[in-house]
Amino acid sequence: MDSKVFLQFLPILLLMTVSHLFTGYFTYTFGARLKYGDYTLLFFNHTVGDKKMYILLGVPILQIVYLVGTYLVIWGHVLSLQYFGVMYPSVITNIVMMLGSTIWFMYIKVHEIPNRIQWLMMITLVLLAIAGAVKEFTKLLSLLK
């Protein structure tokens, strides 16, 4: 891989990684607390009495986290368009980081691992995204020659 292409791709990779680690941490902390009955709100360290109130108050808090994550993902898409003229490098990276962070935090926070069907679904999602990107990657490689 050309060092210029790698240096252009590196910020996209970092943005997607930070976005999904940031949103995944808070999402699966929320989910784990919900699963285990610990209704302590994120950021406020305040415990509410029941599940419905926890969800009612917790979801708007998560929306702030998702806004930050969405901004980072969009920034990665903009860089992909700016550097490569296509969004597929950032889209593929986004999908891989999303799946990786989901599997990681589901294991670390919620203490669950995917079953066989869930693994197949995730692999199929990545393969479909890659299959859709082959044409664009081929075009990108021809531009770099």
Protein backbone atom coordinates (compact mmCIF):
# COMPACT_ATOMS: atom_id res chain seq x y z
CA MET A 1 0.00 0.00 0.00
CA ASP A 2 1.27 3.43 -0.91
CA SER A 3 2.27 5.47 2.16
CA LYS A 4 0.26 8.46 0.93
CA VAL A 5 -2.90 6.34 0.73
CA PHE A 6 -2.20 4.88 4.17
CA LEU A 7 -1.69 8.34 5.69
CA GLN A 8 -4.94 9.51 4.12
CA PHE A 9 -6.78 6.43 5.37
CA LEU A 10 -5.38 6.66 8.93
CA PRO A 11 -7.58 9.58 10.10
CA ILE A 12 -10.66 7.79 8.75
CA LEU A 13 -9.72 4.66 10.67
CA LEU A 14 -9.10 6.67 13.85
CA LEU A 15 -12.39 8.57 13.57
CA MET A 16 -14.40 5.38 13.09
CA THR A 17 -12.57 3.61 15.91
CA VAL A 18 -13.03 6.46 18.38
CA SER A 19 -16.68 6.89 17.37
CA HIS A 20 -17.58 3.26 17.95
CA LEU A 21 -15.52 2.82 21.10
CA PHE A 22 -17.10 5.97 22.55
CA THR A 23 -20.70 5.15 21.66
CA GLY A 24 -20.28 1.43 22.32
CA TYR A 25 -18.93 1.99 25.81
CA PHE A 26 -21.93 4.06 26.88
CA THR A 27 -24.51 2.01 24.97
CA TYR A 28 -23.42 -1.28 26.46
CA THR A 29 -22.87 0.20 29.91
CA PHE A 30 -26.51 1.30 29.71
CA GLY A 31 -27.53 -2.15 28.43
CA ALA A 32 -25.55 -4.00 31.08
CA ARG A 33 -27.06 -1.92 33.86
CA LEU A 34 -30.49 -2.60 32.41
CA LYS A 35 -29.78 -6.33 32.21
CA TYR A 36 -28.49 -6.58 35.77
CA GLY A 37 -31.03 -4.25 37.38
CA ASP A 38 -28.56 -1.48 38.28
CA TYR A 39 -30.56 1.61 37.32
CA THR A 40 -27.79 4.17 37.81
CA LEU A 41 -27.91 6.90 35.15
CA LEU A 42 -24.86 7.54 33.01
CA PHE A 43 -22.90 10.72 33.85
CA PHE A 44 -25.15 11.63 36.82
CA ASN A 45 -24.46 8.68 39.13
CA HIS A 46 -28.10 8.88 40.22
CA THR A 47 -30.06 5.68 40.77
CA VAL A 48 -33.71 5.59 39.74
CA GLY A 49 -36.26 3.18 41.18
CA ASP A 50 -37.53 1.17 38.24
CA LYS A 51 -36.73 0.01 34.72
CA LYS A 52 -39.24 2.27 32.93
CA MET A 53 -37.89 5.43 34.55
CA TYR A 54 -34.31 4.31 33.86
CA ILE A 55 -35.11 3.90 30.16
CA LEU A 56 -37.12 7.13 30.04
CA LEU A 57 -34.23 9.14 31.52
CA GLY A 58 -31.36 7.13 30.05
CA VAL A 59 -32.25 7.22 26.37
CA PRO A 60 -32.07 11.04 26.06
CA ILE A 61 -28.66 10.93 27.74
CA LEU A 62 -27.52 8.37 25.17
CA GLN A 63 -28.73 10.65 22.37
CA ILE A 64 -26.01 13.15 23.29
CA VAL A 65 -23.44 10.36 23.03
CA TYR A 66 -24.87 9.30 19.67
CA LEU A 67 -24.68 12.87 18.34
CA VAL A 68 -20.96 12.94 19.07
CA GLY A 69 -20.50 9.50 17.50
CA THR A 70 -22.50 10.49 14.43
CA TYR A 71 -20.41 13.62 14.00
CA LEU A 72 -17.21 11.55 14.04
CA VAL A 73 -18.61 9.07 11.49
CA ILE A 74 -19.76 11.86 9.16
CA TRP A 75 -16.36 13.51 9.49
CA GLY A 76 -14.81 10.19 8.38
CA HIS A 77 -17.16 10.05 5.37
CA VAL A 78 -16.21 13.61 4.41
CA LEU A 79 -12.50 12.74 4.60
CA SER A 80 -13.10 9.63 2.50
CA LEU A 81 -14.82 11.71 -0.17
CA GLN A 82 -12.11 14.35 0.00
CA TYR A 83 -9.16 11.92 -0.23
CA PHE A 84 -10.54 9.12 -2.39
CA GLY A 85 -13.62 10.55 -4.11
CA VAL A 86 -15.80 7.70 -2.80
CA MET A 87 -17.31 6.83 0.56
CA TYR A 88 -16.64 3.09 0.49
CA PRO A 89 -13.34 3.24 2.42
CA SER A 90 -15.12 4.93 5.32
CA VAL A 91 -18.29 2.83 4.97
CA ILE A 92 -16.38 -0.46 5.12
CA THR A 93 -14.29 0.81 8.03
CA ASN A 94 -17.45 1.98 9.78
CA ILE A 95 -19.10 -1.45 9.43
CA VAL A 96 -16.01 -3.32 10.63
CA MET A 97 -15.53 -0.99 13.62
CA MET A 98 -19.23 -1.17 14.49
CA LEU A 99 -19.22 -4.96 14.49
CA GLY A 100 -15.90 -5.15 16.32
CA SER A 101 -16.94 -2.74 19.05
CA THR A 102 -20.33 -4.43 19.39
CA ILE A 103 -18.76 -7.85 19.88
CA TRP A 104 -16.13 -6.42 22.26
CA PHE A 105 -18.55 -4.49 24.48
CA MET A 106 -21.19 -7.20 24.46
CA TYR A 107 -18.51 -9.51 25.86
CA ILE A 108 -16.88 -7.03 28.26
CA LYS A 109 -19.97 -5.19 29.55
CA VAL A 110 -22.93 -7.52 29.06
CA HIS A 111 -21.04 -10.83 29.30
CA GLU A 112 -22.59 -12.33 26.17
CA ILE A 113 -21.02 -13.71 23.01
CA PRO A 114 -22.71 -14.17 19.63
CA ASN A 115 -24.19 -17.55 18.77
CA ARG A 116 -23.67 -19.25 15.41
CA ILE A 117 -26.54 -17.50 13.63
CA GLN A 118 -25.46 -14.09 14.92
CA TRP A 119 -21.89 -14.69 13.73
CA LEU A 120 -23.22 -15.68 10.30
CA MET A 121 -25.36 -12.55 10.14
CA MET A 122 -22.41 -10.30 11.01
CA ILE A 123 -20.11 -12.02 8.51
CA THR A 124 -22.80 -11.75 5.83
CA LEU A 125 -23.18 -8.03 6.54
CA VAL A 126 -19.45 -7.45 6.10
CA LEU A 127 -19.31 -9.59 2.95
CA LEU A 128 -22.24 -7.73 1.40
CA ALA A 129 -20.62 -4.40 2.16
CA ILE A 130 -17.34 -5.57 0.65
CA ALA A 131 -19.10 -6.99 -2.40
CA GLY A 132 -20.80 -3.65 -2.97
CA ALA A 133 -17.48 -1.86 -2.64
CA VAL A 134 -15.42 -4.00 -5.03
CA LYS A 135 -16.34 -1.88 -8.04
CA GLU A 136 -15.48 1.35 -6.23
CA PHE A 137 -12.19 -0.03 -4.89
CA THR A 138 -11.26 -1.17 -8.40
CA LYS A 139 -11.98 2.32 -9.69
CA LEU A 140 -9.94 3.81 -6.82
CA LEU A 141 -6.97 1.54 -7.53
CA SER A 142 -7.04 2.46 -11.22
CA LEU A 143 -6.90 6.15 -10.26
CA LEU A 144 -3.82 5.55 -8.09
CA LYS A 145 -1.79 3.95 -10.92
